[in-house]
């Protein structure tokens, strides 16, 4: 529902609003929180890539929060492997990014995901 606002000129989500939703998922304890966080991060990346709109560009907080959602996910060994892959993908993207770098918090959160 939140993502449906992307094309609304009056209500236009920005990185802050997306990051707020990412943080909510990371803190939710929901078994699929990492998956939902990954989807939100991918949406931010797509929108930024398509529009070049700096207000929607994912930042270090976006990537770190996605890693955090994966770090605290529970579940079976298979589920933990999938969430670890989500964390690793987010970490690799921020490391390869041209517009932001991982912070000390990103590294610490990645260690927790391992």
PDB file of N, CA and C in Angstrom:
ATOM      1  N   UNK A   1       0.817  -1.188   0.000  1.00  0.00           N
ATOM      2  CA  UNK A   1       0.000   0.000   0.000  1.00  0.00           C
ATOM      3  C   UNK A   1       0.868   1.262   0.000  1.00  0.00           C
ATOM      4  N   UNK A   2       1.885   1.264   0.837  1.00  0.00           N
ATOM      5  CA  UNK A   2       2.798   2.400   0.916  1.00  0.00           C
ATOM      6  C   UNK A   2       3.442   2.662  -0.440  1.00  0.00           C
ATOM      7  N   UNK A   3       3.831   1.598  -1.110  1.00  0.00           N
ATOM      8  CA  UNK A   3       4.513   1.744  -2.391  1.00  0.00           C
ATOM      9  C   UNK A   3       3.589   2.265  -3.477  1.00  0.00           C
ATOM     10  N   UNK A   4       2.287   2.150  -3.300  1.00  0.00           N
ATOM     11  CA  UNK A   4       1.348   2.667  -4.288  1.00  0.00           C
ATOM     12  C   UNK A   4       1.371   4.184  -4.346  1.00  0.00           C
ATOM     13  N   UNK A   5       1.973   4.826  -3.366  1.00  0.00           N
ATOM     14  CA  UNK A   5       2.063   6.281  -3.336  1.00  0.00           C
ATOM     15  C   UNK A   5       3.148   6.806  -4.265  1.00  0.00           C
ATOM     16  N   UNK A   6       3.975   5.937  -4.816  1.00  0.00           N
ATOM     17  CA  UNK A   6       5.110   6.363  -5.633  1.00  0.00           C
ATOM     18  C   UNK A   6       4.705   7.278  -6.783  1.00  0.00           C
ATOM     19  N   UNK A   7       3.543   7.059  -7.367  1.00  0.00           N
ATOM     20  CA  UNK A   7       3.114   7.842  -8.524  1.00  0.00           C
ATOM     21  C   UNK A   7       2.200   9.000  -8.152  1.00  0.00           C
ATOM     22  N   UNK A   8       1.957   9.193  -6.872  1.00  0.00           N
ATOM     23  CA  UNK A   8       1.100  10.261  -6.384  1.00  0.00           C
ATOM     24  C   UNK A   8       1.951  11.514  -6.202  1.00  0.00           C
ATOM     25  N   UNK A   9       1.573  12.602  -6.866  1.00  0.00           N
ATOM     26  CA  UNK A   9       2.355  13.839  -6.789  1.00  0.00           C
ATOM     27  C   UNK A   9       2.203  14.526  -5.433  1.00  0.00           C
ATOM     28  N   UNK A  10       1.108  14.305  -4.745  1.00  0.00           N
ATOM     29  CA  UNK A  10       0.879  14.953  -3.456  1.00  0.00           C
ATOM     30  C   UNK A  10       1.580  14.202  -2.336  1.00  0.00           C
ATOM     31  N   UNK A  11       1.450  12.881  -2.337  1.00  0.00           N
ATOM     32  CA  UNK A  11       2.073  12.039  -1.320  1.00  0.00           C
ATOM     33  C   UNK A  11       3.193  11.267  -2.004  1.00  0.00           C
ATOM     34  N   UNK A  12       4.418  11.719  -1.785  1.00  0.00           N
ATOM     35  CA  UNK A  12       5.547  11.098  -2.462  1.00  0.00           C
ATOM     36  C   UNK A  12       6.541  10.612  -1.419  1.00  0.00           C
ATOM     37  N   UNK A  13       6.656   9.287  -1.227  1.00  0.00           N
ATOM     38  CA  UNK A  13       7.614   8.761  -0.249  1.00  0.00           C
ATOM     39  C   UNK A  13       9.042   9.144  -0.619  1.00  0.00           C
ATOM     40  N   UNK A  14       9.852   9.368   0.394  1.00  0.00           N
ATOM     41  CA  UNK A  14      11.264   9.640   0.181  1.00  0.00           C
ATOM     42  C   UNK A  14      12.082   8.627   0.971  1.00  0.00           C
ATOM     43  N   UNK A  15      13.388   8.789   0.970  1.00  0.00           N
ATOM     44  CA  UNK A  15      14.254   7.831   1.665  1.00  0.00           C
ATOM     45  C   UNK A  15      13.923   7.762   3.152  1.00  0.00           C
ATOM     46  N   UNK A  16      13.569   8.879   3.744  1.00  0.00           N
ATOM     47  CA  UNK A  16      13.242   8.879   5.178  1.00  0.00           C
ATOM     48  C   UNK A  16      12.011   8.017   5.444  1.00  0.00           C
ATOM     49  N   UNK A  17      10.979   8.172   4.631  1.00  0.00           N
ATOM     50  CA  UNK A  17       9.767   7.367   4.851  1.00  0.00           C
ATOM     51  C   UNK A  17      10.015   5.886   4.571  1.00  0.00           C
ATOM     52  N   UNK A  18      10.775   5.582   3.520  1.00  0.00           N
ATOM     53  CA  UNK A  18      11.116   4.185   3.258  1.00  0.00           C
ATOM     54  C   UNK A  18      11.979   3.609   4.384  1.00  0.00           C
ATOM     55  N   UNK A  19      12.936   4.386   4.866  1.00  0.00           N
ATOM     56  CA  UNK A  19      13.790   3.915   5.955  1.00  0.00           C
ATOM     57  C   UNK A  19      13.004   3.671   7.234  1.00  0.00           C
ATOM     58  N   UNK A  20      11.973   4.459   7.458  1.00  0.00           N
ATOM     59  CA  UNK A  20      11.112   4.256   8.625  1.00  0.00           C
ATOM     60  C   UNK A  20      10.396   2.918   8.532  1.00  0.00           C
ATOM     61  N   UNK A  21       9.918   2.589   7.335  1.00  0.00           N
ATOM     62  CA  UNK A  21       9.254   1.297   7.133  1.00  0.00           C
ATOM     63  C   UNK A  21      10.265   0.159   7.272  1.00  0.00           C
ATOM     64  N   UNK A  22      11.467   0.350   6.735  1.00  0.00           N
ATOM     65  CA  UNK A  22      12.525  -0.665   6.891  1.00  0.00           C
ATOM     66  C   UNK A  22      12.813  -0.916   8.371  1.00  0.00           C
ATOM     67  N   UNK A  23      12.927   0.146   9.133  1.00  0.00           N
ATOM     68  CA  UNK A  23      13.220   0.011  10.568  1.00  0.00           C
ATOM     69  C   UNK A  23      12.092  -0.715  11.292  1.00  0.00           C
ATOM     70  N   UNK A  24      10.857  -0.425  10.915  1.00  0.00           N
ATOM     71  CA  UNK A  24       9.719  -1.115  11.527  1.00  0.00           C
ATOM     72  C   UNK A  24       9.778  -2.614  11.257  1.00  0.00           C
ATOM     73  N   UNK A  25      10.106  -2.982  10.019  1.00  0.00           N
ATOM     74  CA  UNK A  25      10.233  -4.406   9.698  1.00  0.00           C
ATOM     75  C   UNK A  25      11.382  -5.032  10.475  1.00  0.00           C
ATOM     76  N   UNK A  26      12.495  -4.330  10.549  1.00  0.00           N
ATOM     77  CA  UNK A  26      13.661  -4.874  11.255  1.00  0.00           C
ATOM     78  C   UNK A  26      13.352  -5.126  12.725  1.00  0.00           C
ATOM     79  N   UNK A  27      12.529  -4.302  13.316  1.00  0.00           N
ATOM     80  CA  UNK A  27      12.189  -4.440  14.742  1.00  0.00           C
ATOM     81  C   UNK A  27      10.977  -5.330  14.992  1.00  0.00           C
ATOM     82  N   UNK A  28      10.313  -5.744  13.938  1.00  0.00           N
ATOM     83  CA  UNK A  28       9.037  -6.443  14.088  1.00  0.00           C
ATOM     84  C   UNK A  28       9.149  -7.845  14.660  1.00  0.00           C
ATOM     85  N   UNK A  29      10.258  -8.516  14.404  1.00  0.00           N
ATOM     86  CA  UNK A  29      10.366  -9.909  14.807  1.00  0.00           C
ATOM     87  C   UNK A  29       9.580 -10.847  13.907  1.00  0.00           C
ATOM     88  N   UNK A  30       9.019 -10.323  12.856  1.00  0.00           N
ATOM     89  CA  UNK A  30       8.247 -11.140  11.907  1.00  0.00           C
ATOM     90  C   UNK A  30       9.197 -12.095  11.186  1.00  0.00           C
ATOM     91  N   UNK A  31       8.789 -13.345  10.998  1.00  0.00           N
ATOM     92  CA  UNK A  31       9.662 -14.328  10.341  1.00  0.00           C
ATOM     93  C   UNK A  31      10.109 -13.924   8.931  1.00  0.00           C
ATOM     94  N   UNK A  32       9.306 -13.120   8.252  1.00  0.00           N
ATOM     95  CA  UNK A  32       9.643 -12.703   6.889  1.00  0.00           C
ATOM     96  C   UNK A  32      10.152 -11.269   6.817  1.00  0.00           C
ATOM     97  N   UNK A  33      10.562 -10.706   7.940  1.00  0.00           N
ATOM     98  CA  UNK A  33      10.989  -9.308   7.974  1.00  0.00           C
ATOM     99  C   UNK A  33      12.145  -9.034   7.012  1.00  0.00           C
ATOM    100  N   UNK A  34      13.111  -9.928   6.952  1.00  0.00           N
ATOM    101  CA  UNK A  34      14.261  -9.717   6.064  1.00  0.00           C
ATOM    102  C   UNK A  34      13.818  -9.704   4.601  1.00  0.00           C
ATOM    103  N   UNK A  35      12.913 -10.582   4.250  1.00  0.00           N
ATOM    104  CA  UNK A  35      12.404 -10.640   2.880  1.00  0.00           C
ATOM    105  C   UNK A  35      11.679  -9.338   2.528  1.00  0.00           C
ATOM    106  N   UNK A  36      10.828  -8.855   3.428  1.00  0.00           N
ATOM    107  CA  UNK A  36      10.099  -7.613   3.172  1.00  0.00           C
ATOM    108  C   UNK A  36      11.055  -6.419   3.104  1.00  0.00           C
ATOM    109  N   UNK A  37      12.049  -6.400   3.979  1.00  0.00           N
ATOM    110  CA  UNK A  37      13.042  -5.325   3.955  1.00  0.00           C
ATOM    111  C   UNK A  37      13.795  -5.329   2.628  1.00  0.00           C
ATOM    112  N   UNK A  38      14.155  -6.507   2.162  1.00  0.00           N
ATOM    113  CA  UNK A  38      14.852  -6.613   0.880  1.00  0.00           C
ATOM    114  C   UNK A  38      13.993  -6.062  -0.255  1.00  0.00           C
ATOM    115  N   UNK A  39      12.711  -6.369  -0.240  1.00  0.00           N
ATOM    116  CA  UNK A  39      11.805  -5.869  -1.277  1.00  0.00           C
ATOM    117  C   UNK A  39      11.733  -4.340  -1.255  1.00  0.00           C
ATOM    118  N   UNK A  40      11.670  -3.777  -0.068  1.00  0.00           N
ATOM    119  CA  UNK A  40      11.601  -2.319   0.056  1.00  0.00           C
ATOM    120  C   UNK A  40      12.893  -1.688  -0.456  1.00  0.00           C
ATOM    121  N   UNK A  41      14.028  -2.245  -0.069  1.00  0.00           N
ATOM    122  CA  UNK A  41      15.313  -1.732  -0.536  1.00  0.00           C
ATOM    123  C   UNK A  41      15.410  -1.823  -2.061  1.00  0.00           C
ATOM    124  N   UNK A  42      14.981  -2.932  -2.621  1.00  0.00           N
ATOM    125  CA  UNK A  42      15.006  -3.085  -4.076  1.00  0.00           C
ATOM    126  C   UNK A  42      14.109  -2.048  -4.751  1.00  0.00           C
ATOM    127  N   UNK A  43      12.973  -1.759  -4.146  1.00  0.00           N
ATOM    128  CA  UNK A  43      12.058  -0.743  -4.697  1.00  0.00           C
ATOM    129  C   UNK A  43      12.727   0.630  -4.689  1.00  0.00           C
ATOM    130  N   UNK A  44      13.410   0.943  -3.600  1.00  0.00           N
ATOM    131  CA  UNK A  44      14.132   2.215  -3.524  1.00  0.00           C
ATOM    132  C   UNK A  44      15.199   2.294  -4.620  1.00  0.00           C
ATOM    133  N   UNK A  45      15.944   1.212  -4.795  1.00  0.00           N
ATOM    134  CA  UNK A  45      16.988   1.176  -5.820  1.00  0.00           C
ATOM    135  C   UNK A  45      16.397   1.349  -7.223  1.00  0.00           C
ATOM    136  N   UNK A  46      15.287   0.676  -7.476  1.00  0.00           N
ATOM    137  CA  UNK A  46      14.629   0.776  -8.779  1.00  0.00           C
ATOM    138  C   UNK A  46      14.156   2.206  -9.041  1.00  0.00           C
ATOM    139  N   UNK A  47      13.498   2.798  -8.055  1.00  0.00           N
ATOM    140  CA  UNK A  47      12.992   4.157  -8.225  1.00  0.00           C
ATOM    141  C   UNK A  47      14.128   5.147  -8.451  1.00  0.00           C
ATOM    142  N   UNK A  48      15.192   4.995  -7.684  1.00  0.00           N
ATOM    143  CA  UNK A  48      16.332   5.898  -7.864  1.00  0.00           C
ATOM    144  C   UNK A  48      16.963   5.704  -9.239  1.00  0.00           C
ATOM    145  N   UNK A  49      17.091   4.463  -9.661  1.00  0.00           N
ATOM    146  CA  UNK A  49      17.674   4.160 -10.964  1.00  0.00           C
ATOM    147  C   UNK A  49      16.814   4.713 -12.098  1.00  0.00           C
ATOM    148  N   UNK A  50      15.504   4.602 -11.966  1.00  0.00           N
ATOM    149  CA  UNK A  50      14.586   5.044 -13.014  1.00  0.00           C
ATOM    150  C   UNK A  50      14.463   6.558 -13.088  1.00  0.00           C
ATOM    151  N   UNK A  51      14.467   7.214 -11.926  1.00  0.00           N
ATOM    152  CA  UNK A  51      14.165   8.643 -11.895  1.00  0.00           C
ATOM    153  C   UNK A  51      15.378   9.528 -11.619  1.00  0.00           C
ATOM    154  N   UNK A  52      16.399   8.988 -10.948  1.00  0.00           N
ATOM    155  CA  UNK A  52      17.524   9.810 -10.545  1.00  0.00           C
ATOM    156  C   UNK A  52      17.182  10.765  -9.417  1.00  0.00           C
ATOM    157  N   UNK A  53      16.019  10.568  -8.812  1.00  0.00           N
ATOM    158  CA  UNK A  53      15.549  11.429  -7.729  1.00  0.00           C
ATOM    159  C   UNK A  53      16.363  11.170  -6.468  1.00  0.00           C
ATOM    160  N   UNK A  54      17.168  12.141  -6.068  1.00  0.00           N
ATOM    161  CA  UNK A  54      18.040  11.998  -4.901  1.00  0.00           C
ATOM    162  C   UNK A  54      17.263  11.769  -3.604  1.00  0.00           C
ATOM    163  N   UNK A  55      16.014  12.240  -3.548  1.00  0.00           N
ATOM    164  CA  UNK A  55      15.245  12.096  -2.313  1.00  0.00           C
ATOM    165  C   UNK A  55      14.861  10.647  -2.027  1.00  0.00           C
ATOM    166  N   UNK A  56      14.931   9.801  -3.038  1.00  0.00           N
ATOM    167  CA  UNK A  56      14.550   8.398  -2.886  1.00  0.00           C
ATOM    168  C   UNK A  56      15.760   7.472  -2.847  1.00  0.00           C
ATOM    169  N   UNK A  57      16.947   8.019  -3.056  1.00  0.00           N
ATOM    170  CA  UNK A  57      18.169   7.211  -3.119  1.00  0.00           C
ATOM    171  C   UNK A  57      18.410   6.470  -1.807  1.00  0.00           C
ATOM    172  N   UNK A  58      18.608   5.153  -1.870  1.00  0.00           N
ATOM    173  CA  UNK A  58      18.941   4.418  -0.648  1.00  0.00           C
ATOM    174  C   UNK A  58      20.263   4.938  -0.078  1.00  0.00           C
ATOM    175  N   UNK A  59      20.360   4.935   1.236  1.00  0.00           N
ATOM    176  CA  UNK A  59      21.584   5.398   1.887  1.00  0.00           C
ATOM    177  C   UNK A  59      22.111   4.313   2.819  1.00  0.00           C
ATOM    178  N   UNK A  60      23.164   4.634   3.536  1.00  0.00           N
ATOM    179  CA  UNK A  60      23.792   3.644   4.413  1.00  0.00           C
ATOM    180  C   UNK A  60      22.782   3.109   5.433  1.00  0.00           C
ATOM    181  N   UNK A  61      21.870   3.945   5.886  1.00  0.00           N
ATOM    182  CA  UNK A  61      20.849   3.495   6.834  1.00  0.00           C
ATOM    183  C   UNK A  61      19.935   2.459   6.184  1.00  0.00           C
ATOM    184  N   UNK A  62      19.587   2.658   4.932  1.00  0.00           N
ATOM    185  CA  UNK A  62      18.712   1.710   4.207  1.00  0.00           C
ATOM    186  C   UNK A  62      19.339   0.320   4.143  1.00  0.00           C
ATOM    187  N   UNK A  63      20.602   0.282   3.771  1.00  0.00           N
ATOM    188  CA  UNK A  63      21.304  -1.000   3.646  1.00  0.00           C
ATOM    189  C   UNK A  63      21.552  -1.637   5.020  1.00  0.00           C
ATOM    190  N   UNK A  64      21.969  -0.828   5.976  1.00  0.00           N
ATOM    191  CA  UNK A  64      22.248  -1.356   7.312  1.00  0.00           C
ATOM    192  C   UNK A  64      20.985  -1.890   7.964  1.00  0.00           C
ATOM    193  N   UNK A  65      19.876  -1.209   7.771  1.00  0.00           N
ATOM    194  CA  UNK A  65      18.615  -1.662   8.364  1.00  0.00           C
ATOM    195  C   UNK A  65      18.137  -2.954   7.711  1.00  0.00           C
ATOM    196  N   UNK A  66      18.364  -3.106   6.431  1.00  0.00           N
ATOM    197  CA  UNK A  66      18.023  -4.364   5.756  1.00  0.00           C
ATOM    198  C   UNK A  66      18.878  -5.503   6.308  1.00  0.00           C
ATOM    199  N   UNK A  67      20.171  -5.240   6.497  1.00  0.00           N
ATOM    200  CA  UNK A  67      21.053  -6.244   7.099  1.00  0.00           C
ATOM    201  C   UNK A  67      20.580  -6.576   8.505  1.00  0.00           C
ATOM    202  N   UNK A  68      20.150  -5.564   9.243  1.00  0.00           N
ATOM    203  CA  UNK A  68      19.662  -5.767  10.606  1.00  0.00           C
ATOM    204  C   UNK A  68      18.415  -6.653  10.634  1.00  0.00           C
ATOM    205  N   UNK A  69      17.520  -6.448   9.682  1.00  0.00           N
ATOM    206  CA  UNK A  69      16.319  -7.291   9.610  1.00  0.00           C
ATOM    207  C   UNK A  69      16.712  -8.748   9.417  1.00  0.00           C
ATOM    208  N   UNK A  70      17.743  -8.986   8.618  1.00  0.00           N
ATOM    209  CA  UNK A  70      18.216 -10.357   8.396  1.00  0.00           C
ATOM    210  C   UNK A  70      18.967 -10.891   9.613  1.00  0.00           C
ATOM    211  N   UNK A  71      19.700 -10.033  10.284  1.00  0.00           N
ATOM    212  CA  UNK A  71      20.518 -10.461  11.426  1.00  0.00           C
ATOM    213  C   UNK A  71      19.670 -11.010  12.568  1.00  0.00           C
ATOM    214  N   UNK A  72      18.478 -10.479  12.731  1.00  0.00           N
ATOM    215  CA  UNK A  72      17.638 -10.888  13.854  1.00  0.00           C
ATOM    216  C   UNK A  72      16.524 -11.843  13.453  1.00  0.00           C
ATOM    217  N   UNK A  73      16.583 -12.343  12.247  1.00  0.00           N
ATOM    218  CA  UNK A  73      15.567 -13.300  11.800  1.00  0.00           C
ATOM    219  C   UNK A  73      15.855 -14.664  12.415  1.00  0.00           C
ATOM    220  N   UNK A  74      14.823 -15.331  12.800  1.00  0.00           N
ATOM    221  CA  UNK A  74      14.969 -16.678  13.331  1.00  0.00           C
ATOM    222  C   UNK A  74      14.612 -17.685  12.258  1.00  0.00           C
ATOM    223  N   UNK A  75      14.253 -18.850  12.696  1.00  0.00           N
ATOM    224  CA  UNK A  75      13.789 -19.849  11.754  1.00  0.00           C
ATOM    225  C   UNK A  75      14.707 -21.047  11.641  1.00  0.00           C
ATOM    226  N   UNK A  76      14.381 -21.863  10.675  1.00  0.00           N
ATOM    227  CA  UNK A  76      15.131 -23.087  10.425  1.00  0.00           C
ATOM    228  C   UNK A  76      16.491 -22.746   9.811  1.00  0.00           C
ATOM    229  N   UNK A  77      17.317 -23.749   9.669  1.00  0.00           N
ATOM    230  CA  UNK A  77      18.631 -23.535   9.052  1.00  0.00           C
ATOM    231  C   UNK A  77      18.468 -23.008   7.626  1.00  0.00           C
ATOM    232  N   UNK A  78      17.524 -23.570   6.875  1.00  0.00           N
ATOM    233  CA  UNK A  78      17.278 -23.096   5.508  1.00  0.00           C
ATOM    234  C   UNK A  78      16.838 -21.637   5.501  1.00  0.00           C
ATOM    235  N   UNK A  79      15.942 -21.276   6.412  1.00  0.00           N
ATOM    236  CA  UNK A  79      15.474 -19.896   6.495  1.00  0.00           C
ATOM    237  C   UNK A  79      16.612 -18.953   6.878  1.00  0.00           C
ATOM    238  N   UNK A  80      17.463 -19.379   7.805  1.00  0.00           N
ATOM    239  CA  UNK A  80      18.608 -18.560   8.224  1.00  0.00           C
ATOM    240  C   UNK A  80      19.596 -18.382   7.071  1.00  0.00           C
ATOM    241  N   UNK A  81      19.766 -19.410   6.245  1.00  0.00           N
ATOM    242  CA  UNK A  81      20.648 -19.272   5.080  1.00  0.00           C
ATOM    243  C   UNK A  81      20.101 -18.243   4.103  1.00  0.00           C
ATOM    244  N   UNK A  82      18.790 -18.235   3.920  1.00  0.00           N
ATOM    245  CA  UNK A  82      18.164 -17.256   3.022  1.00  0.00           C
ATOM    246  C   UNK A  82      18.297 -15.840   3.579  1.00  0.00           C
ATOM    247  N   UNK A  83      18.103 -15.691   4.877  1.00  0.00           N
ATOM    248  CA  UNK A  83      18.225 -14.349   5.450  1.00  0.00           C
ATOM    249  C   UNK A  83      19.679 -13.886   5.460  1.00  0.00           C
ATOM    250  N   UNK A  84      20.606 -14.823   5.642  1.00  0.00           N
ATOM    251  CA  UNK A  84      22.017 -14.451   5.549  1.00  0.00           C
ATOM    252  C   UNK A  84      22.336 -13.962   4.141  1.00  0.00           C
ATOM    253  N   UNK A  85      21.772 -14.603   3.132  1.00  0.00           N
ATOM    254  CA  UNK A  85      22.007 -14.176   1.747  1.00  0.00           C
ATOM    255  C   UNK A  85      21.455 -12.768   1.524  1.00  0.00           C
ATOM    256  N   UNK A  86      20.321 -12.462   2.128  1.00  0.00           N
ATOM    257  CA  UNK A  86      19.756 -11.109   2.039  1.00  0.00           C
ATOM    258  C   UNK A  86      20.726 -10.108   2.654  1.00  0.00           C
ATOM    259  N   UNK A  87      21.260 -10.433   3.833  1.00  0.00           N
ATOM    260  CA  UNK A  87      22.221  -9.550   4.496  1.00  0.00           C
ATOM    261  C   UNK A  87      23.470  -9.375   3.633  1.00  0.00           C
ATOM    262  N   UNK A  88      23.968 -10.459   3.101  1.00  0.00           N
ATOM    263  CA  UNK A  88      25.180 -10.403   2.282  1.00  0.00           C
ATOM    264  C   UNK A  88      24.958  -9.578   1.014  1.00  0.00           C
ATOM    265  N   UNK A  89      23.810  -9.753   0.377  1.00  0.00           N
ATOM    266  CA  UNK A  89      23.490  -8.978  -0.824  1.00  0.00           C
ATOM    267  C   UNK A  89      23.456  -7.482  -0.519  1.00  0.00           C
ATOM    268  N   UNK A  90      22.793  -7.118   0.579  1.00  0.00           N
ATOM    269  CA  UNK A  90      22.717  -5.706   0.962  1.00  0.00           C
ATOM    270  C   UNK A  90      24.106  -5.158   1.274  1.00  0.00           C
ATOM    271  N   UNK A  91      24.917  -5.951   1.963  1.00  0.00           N
ATOM    272  CA  UNK A  91      26.270  -5.522   2.311  1.00  0.00           C
ATOM    273  C   UNK A  91      27.117  -5.322   1.046  1.00  0.00           C
ATOM    274  N   UNK A  92      27.022  -6.246   0.123  1.00  0.00           N
ATOM    275  CA  UNK A  92      27.789  -6.128  -1.126  1.00  0.00           C
ATOM    276  C   UNK A  92      27.349  -4.906  -1.933  1.00  0.00           C
ATOM    277  N   UNK A  93      26.054  -4.636  -1.931  1.00  0.00           N
ATOM    278  CA  UNK A  93      25.553  -3.480  -2.684  1.00  0.00           C
ATOM    279  C   UNK A  93      26.088  -2.174  -2.107  1.00  0.00           C
ATOM    280  N   UNK A  94      26.091  -2.035  -0.794  1.00  0.00           N
ATOM    281  CA  UNK A  94      26.592  -0.791  -0.201  1.00  0.00           C
ATOM    282  C   UNK A  94      28.094  -0.681  -0.410  1.00  0.00           C
ATOM    283  N   UNK A  95      28.798  -1.795  -0.377  1.00  0.00           N
ATOM    284  CA  UNK A  95      30.248  -1.768  -0.614  1.00  0.00           C
ATOM    285  C   UNK A  95      30.575  -1.368  -2.049  1.00  0.00           C
ATOM    286  N   UNK A  96      29.725  -1.749  -2.987  1.00  0.00           N
ATOM    287  CA  UNK A  96      29.944  -1.449  -4.400  1.00  0.00           C
ATOM    288  C   UNK A  96      29.295  -0.136  -4.841  1.00  0.00           C
ATOM    289  N   UNK A  97      28.585   0.486  -3.952  1.00  0.00           N
ATOM    290  CA  UNK A  97      27.836   1.694  -4.271  1.00  0.00           C
ATOM    291  C   UNK A  97      28.754   2.856  -4.647  1.00  0.00           C
ATOM    292  N   UNK A  98      28.293   3.662  -5.577  1.00  0.00           N
ATOM    293  CA  UNK A  98      29.021   4.862  -5.979  1.00  0.00           C
ATOM    294  C   UNK A  98      28.627   6.076  -5.150  1.00  0.00           C
ATOM    295  N   UNK A  99      27.581   5.969  -4.343  1.00  0.00           N
ATOM    296  CA  UNK A  99      27.072   7.135  -3.653  1.00  0.00           C
ATOM    297  C   UNK A  99      27.039   7.021  -2.137  1.00  0.00           C
ATOM    298  N   UNK A 100      27.439   5.912  -1.585  1.00  0.00           N
ATOM    299  CA  UNK A 100      27.497   5.774  -0.129  1.00  0.00           C
ATOM    300  C   UNK A 100      28.447   4.645   0.231  1.00  0.00           C
ATOM    301  N   UNK A 101      28.920   4.632   1.451  1.00  0.00           N
ATOM    302  CA  UNK A 101      29.859   3.622   1.932  1.00  0.00           C
ATOM    303  C   UNK A 101      29.311   3.006   3.217  1.00  0.00           C
ATOM    304  N   UNK A 102      29.718   1.785   3.537  1.00  0.00           N
ATOM    305  CA  UNK A 102      29.293   1.186   4.806  1.00  0.00           C
ATOM    306  C   UNK A 102      29.914   1.949   5.980  1.00  0.00           C
ATOM    307  N   UNK A 103      29.189   2.001   7.068  1.00  0.00           N
ATOM    308  CA  UNK A 103      29.690   2.644   8.279  1.00  0.00           C
ATOM    309  C   UNK A 103      30.146   1.573   9.267  1.00  0.00           C
ATOM    310  N   UNK A 104      30.674   2.006  10.391  1.00  0.00           N
ATOM    311  CA  UNK A 104      31.059   1.049  11.436  1.00  0.00           C
ATOM    312  C   UNK A 104      29.835   0.277  11.934  1.00  0.00           C
ATOM    313  N   UNK A 105      28.669   0.909  11.903  1.00  0.00           N
ATOM    314  CA  UNK A 105      27.434   0.234  12.309  1.00  0.00           C
ATOM    315  C   UNK A 105      27.080  -0.848  11.288  1.00  0.00           C
ATOM    316  N   UNK A 106      27.285  -0.562  10.008  1.00  0.00           N
ATOM    317  CA  UNK A 106      27.028  -1.559   8.965  1.00  0.00           C
ATOM    318  C   UNK A 106      27.876  -2.799   9.171  1.00  0.00           C
ATOM    319  N   UNK A 107      29.166  -2.584   9.445  1.00  0.00           N
ATOM    320  CA  UNK A 107      30.074  -3.720   9.669  1.00  0.00           C
ATOM    321  C   UNK A 107      29.657  -4.512  10.901  1.00  0.00           C
ATOM    322  N   UNK A 108      29.328  -3.816  11.981  1.00  0.00           N
ATOM    323  CA  UNK A 108      28.896  -4.506  13.200  1.00  0.00           C
ATOM    324  C   UNK A 108      27.628  -5.298  12.996  1.00  0.00           C
ATOM    325  N   UNK A 109      26.702  -4.723  12.248  1.00  0.00           N
ATOM    326  CA  UNK A 109      25.438  -5.414  11.974  1.00  0.00           C
ATOM    327  C   UNK A 109      25.663  -6.625  11.079  1.00  0.00           C
ATOM    328  N   UNK A 110      26.580  -6.493  10.144  1.00  0.00           N
ATOM    329  CA  UNK A 110      26.898  -7.638   9.280  1.00  0.00           C
ATOM    330  C   UNK A 110      27.526  -8.775  10.103  1.00  0.00           C
ATOM    331  N   UNK A 111      28.386  -8.432  11.043  1.00  0.00           N
ATOM    332  CA  UNK A 111      28.958  -9.463  11.918  1.00  0.00           C
ATOM    333  C   UNK A 111      27.857 -10.188  12.688  1.00  0.00           C
ATOM    334  N   UNK A 112      26.849  -9.462  13.118  1.00  0.00           N
ATOM    335  CA  UNK A 112      25.735 -10.072  13.842  1.00  0.00           C
ATOM    336  C   UNK A 112      24.946 -11.005  12.923  1.00  0.00           C
ATOM    337  N   UNK A 113      24.876 -10.669  11.648  1.00  0.00           N
ATOM    338  CA  UNK A 113      24.133 -11.510  10.694  1.00  0.00           C
ATOM    339  C   UNK A 113      24.837 -12.825  10.419  1.00  0.00           C
ATOM    340  N   UNK A 114      26.148 -12.831  10.596  1.00  0.00           N
ATOM    341  CA  UNK A 114      26.909 -14.043  10.345  1.00  0.00           C
ATOM    342  C   UNK A 114      26.636 -14.991  11.475  1.00  0.00           C
TER     343      UNK A 114
END
